[in-house]
């Protein structure tokens, strides 16, 4: 079973920006990349650090702590020291609201 969770308005995530939201205590970063809003776990799986403090470069997000990059489309770790991918969450935009699809229960993250 899955659930759709309303996390933000589209206007809260302008083109080329990030917004950290929380769902059930889990940090999720929303990224507006080239007009597509993506949702992924908001904490680097290498070492606890908020990814919204990092930066978007091309098709990746870079963790500001150790400069590991993650692919925005797949969540795959592109550079060490990170090895695990970021958990990705499907996004739907309805009437100007960003909804993410999550399973029932705890929000899945890679640690």
C-alpha atoms as a PDB file:
ATOM      1  CA  UNK A   1       0.000   0.000   0.000  1.00  0.00           C
ATOM      2  CA  UNK A   2       1.171   3.493  -0.785  1.00  0.00           C
ATOM      3  CA  UNK A   3       0.046   6.954   0.213  1.00  0.00           C
ATOM      4  CA  UNK A   4       0.271  10.368  -1.419  1.00  0.00           C
ATOM      5  CA  UNK A   5       1.639  13.023   0.924  1.00  0.00           C
ATOM      6  CA  UNK A   6       1.187  16.744   0.208  1.00  0.00           C
ATOM      7  CA  UNK A   7       4.542  18.316   1.104  1.00  0.00           C
ATOM      8  CA  UNK A   8       4.703  21.783  -0.505  1.00  0.00           C
ATOM      9  CA  UNK A   9       3.394  24.192  -3.079  1.00  0.00           C
ATOM     10  CA  UNK A  10       5.154  24.241  -6.448  1.00  0.00           C
ATOM     11  CA  UNK A  11       5.868  27.961  -5.901  1.00  0.00           C
ATOM     12  CA  UNK A  12       7.938  27.034  -2.823  1.00  0.00           C
ATOM     13  CA  UNK A  13      10.459  25.248  -5.078  1.00  0.00           C
ATOM     14  CA  UNK A  14      11.444  27.708  -7.819  1.00  0.00           C
ATOM     15  CA  UNK A  15      13.461  26.510 -10.807  1.00  0.00           C
ATOM     16  CA  UNK A  16      17.005  25.500  -9.801  1.00  0.00           C
ATOM     17  CA  UNK A  17      16.326  25.446  -6.051  1.00  0.00           C
ATOM     18  CA  UNK A  18      15.900  22.929  -3.243  1.00  0.00           C
ATOM     19  CA  UNK A  19      13.485  22.740  -0.325  1.00  0.00           C
ATOM     20  CA  UNK A  20      13.812  20.411   2.667  1.00  0.00           C
ATOM     21  CA  UNK A  21      10.549  18.996   3.992  1.00  0.00           C
ATOM     22  CA  UNK A  22       9.796  16.443   6.675  1.00  0.00           C
ATOM     23  CA  UNK A  23       7.428  13.500   6.510  1.00  0.00           C
ATOM     24  CA  UNK A  24       7.005  11.390   9.630  1.00  0.00           C
ATOM     25  CA  UNK A  25      10.355  12.666  10.948  1.00  0.00           C
ATOM     26  CA  UNK A  26      12.265  11.860   7.750  1.00  0.00           C
ATOM     27  CA  UNK A  27      14.019  14.645   5.827  1.00  0.00           C
ATOM     28  CA  UNK A  28      13.146  14.758   2.135  1.00  0.00           C
ATOM     29  CA  UNK A  29      14.692  17.252  -0.265  1.00  0.00           C
ATOM     30  CA  UNK A  30      12.633  18.564  -3.165  1.00  0.00           C
ATOM     31  CA  UNK A  31      14.643  19.781  -6.161  1.00  0.00           C
ATOM     32  CA  UNK A  32      13.288  21.715  -9.119  1.00  0.00           C
ATOM     33  CA  UNK A  33      15.676  20.665 -11.875  1.00  0.00           C
ATOM     34  CA  UNK A  34      14.884  22.052 -15.313  1.00  0.00           C
ATOM     35  CA  UNK A  35      11.199  22.350 -14.393  1.00  0.00           C
ATOM     36  CA  UNK A  36      10.864  18.818 -13.009  1.00  0.00           C
ATOM     37  CA  UNK A  37      10.433  18.457  -9.275  1.00  0.00           C
ATOM     38  CA  UNK A  38      12.232  15.466  -7.808  1.00  0.00           C
ATOM     39  CA  UNK A  39      12.074  14.121  -4.263  1.00  0.00           C
ATOM     40  CA  UNK A  40      14.856  12.189  -2.576  1.00  0.00           C
ATOM     41  CA  UNK A  41      16.120  11.458   0.895  1.00  0.00           C
ATOM     42  CA  UNK A  42      17.436  14.685   2.334  1.00  0.00           C
ATOM     43  CA  UNK A  43      20.331  13.284   4.352  1.00  0.00           C
ATOM     44  CA  UNK A  44      23.572  12.054   2.775  1.00  0.00           C
ATOM     45  CA  UNK A  45      23.897   8.276   3.291  1.00  0.00           C
ATOM     46  CA  UNK A  46      27.663   8.574   3.795  1.00  0.00           C
ATOM     47  CA  UNK A  47      27.568  10.722   6.911  1.00  0.00           C
ATOM     48  CA  UNK A  48      24.658  12.616   8.412  1.00  0.00           C
ATOM     49  CA  UNK A  49      24.501  15.955   6.572  1.00  0.00           C
ATOM     50  CA  UNK A  50      21.533  17.830   5.117  1.00  0.00           C
ATOM     51  CA  UNK A  51      21.674  17.810   1.325  1.00  0.00           C
ATOM     52  CA  UNK A  52      19.818  21.120   0.995  1.00  0.00           C
ATOM     53  CA  UNK A  53      23.022  22.734   2.300  1.00  0.00           C
ATOM     54  CA  UNK A  54      24.773  21.406  -0.808  1.00  0.00           C
ATOM     55  CA  UNK A  55      24.391  22.523  -4.396  1.00  0.00           C
ATOM     56  CA  UNK A  56      23.018  21.460  -7.753  1.00  0.00           C
ATOM     57  CA  UNK A  57      25.576  21.022 -10.542  1.00  0.00           C
ATOM     58  CA  UNK A  58      24.359  19.869 -13.925  1.00  0.00           C
ATOM     59  CA  UNK A  59      22.325  16.699 -13.380  1.00  0.00           C
ATOM     60  CA  UNK A  60      23.553  16.053  -9.832  1.00  0.00           C
ATOM     61  CA  UNK A  61      23.321  17.258  -6.269  1.00  0.00           C
ATOM     62  CA  UNK A  62      26.547  17.647  -4.304  1.00  0.00           C
ATOM     63  CA  UNK A  63      26.772  17.107  -0.558  1.00  0.00           C
ATOM     64  CA  UNK A  64      28.653  20.076   0.917  1.00  0.00           C
ATOM     65  CA  UNK A  65      30.313  17.986   3.653  1.00  0.00           C
ATOM     66  CA  UNK A  66      32.554  15.667   1.594  1.00  0.00           C
ATOM     67  CA  UNK A  67      31.555  16.655  -1.978  1.00  0.00           C
ATOM     68  CA  UNK A  68      29.916  13.367  -2.914  1.00  0.00           C
ATOM     69  CA  UNK A  69      27.613  13.815  -5.901  1.00  0.00           C
ATOM     70  CA  UNK A  70      24.330  12.015  -6.542  1.00  0.00           C
ATOM     71  CA  UNK A  71      22.471  11.661  -9.837  1.00  0.00           C
ATOM     72  CA  UNK A  72      19.205  13.644  -9.756  1.00  0.00           C
ATOM     73  CA  UNK A  73      17.335  11.122 -11.920  1.00  0.00           C
ATOM     74  CA  UNK A  74      18.389   7.907 -10.176  1.00  0.00           C
ATOM     75  CA  UNK A  75      19.888   8.880  -6.801  1.00  0.00           C
ATOM     76  CA  UNK A  76      23.044   6.889  -7.612  1.00  0.00           C
ATOM     77  CA  UNK A  77      26.243   7.945  -5.843  1.00  0.00           C
ATOM     78  CA  UNK A  78      28.621   9.347  -8.467  1.00  0.00           C
ATOM     79  CA  UNK A  79      31.645  10.178  -6.315  1.00  0.00           C
ATOM     80  CA  UNK A  80      33.181   8.814  -3.127  1.00  0.00           C
ATOM     81  CA  UNK A  81      33.130   8.788  -0.236  1.00  0.00           C
ATOM     82  CA  UNK A  82      29.387   8.067  -0.626  1.00  0.00           C
ATOM     83  CA  UNK A  83      28.616   4.578  -1.890  1.00  0.00           C
ATOM     84  CA  UNK A  84      24.896   4.120  -1.261  1.00  0.00           C
ATOM     85  CA  UNK A  85      22.332   5.803  -3.529  1.00  0.00           C
ATOM     86  CA  UNK A  86      19.760   8.266  -2.271  1.00  0.00           C
ATOM     87  CA  UNK A  87      16.249   6.885  -1.851  1.00  0.00           C
ATOM     88  CA  UNK A  88      13.989   8.449  -4.483  1.00  0.00           C
ATOM     89  CA  UNK A  89      10.273   9.123  -4.118  1.00  0.00           C
ATOM     90  CA  UNK A  90       7.823   9.496  -7.035  1.00  0.00           C
ATOM     91  CA  UNK A  91       6.404  13.017  -7.383  1.00  0.00           C
ATOM     92  CA  UNK A  92       3.024  14.125  -8.689  1.00  0.00           C
ATOM     93  CA  UNK A  93       1.959  17.753  -9.049  1.00  0.00           C
ATOM     94  CA  UNK A  94      -1.758  18.382  -8.588  1.00  0.00           C
ATOM     95  CA  UNK A  95      -3.305  21.854  -8.630  1.00  0.00           C
ATOM     96  CA  UNK A  96      -0.021  23.516  -7.735  1.00  0.00           C
ATOM     97  CA  UNK A  97       0.807  21.130  -4.893  1.00  0.00           C
ATOM     98  CA  UNK A  98       3.740  18.701  -4.729  1.00  0.00           C
ATOM     99  CA  UNK A  99       2.652  15.209  -3.671  1.00  0.00           C
ATOM    100  CA  UNK A 100       5.112  12.411  -3.026  1.00  0.00           C
ATOM    101  CA  UNK A 101       4.267   8.723  -3.107  1.00  0.00           C
ATOM    102  CA  UNK A 102       5.440   6.819  -0.059  1.00  0.00           C
ATOM    103  CA  UNK A 103       4.775   3.346   1.281  1.00  0.00           C
ATOM    104  CA  UNK A 104       2.670   2.948   4.382  1.00  0.00           C
ATOM    105  CA  UNK A 105       4.809   2.980   7.513  1.00  0.00           C
ATOM    106  CA  UNK A 106       8.315   4.352   7.850  1.00  0.00           C
ATOM    107  CA  UNK A 107       9.766   6.477   5.044  1.00  0.00           C
ATOM    108  CA  UNK A 108      12.466   4.368   3.315  1.00  0.00           C
ATOM    109  CA  UNK A 109      15.994   5.830   3.349  1.00  0.00           C
ATOM    110  CA  UNK A 110      19.453   4.456   2.671  1.00  0.00           C
ATOM    111  CA  UNK A 111      21.876   4.688   5.584  1.00  0.00           C
END
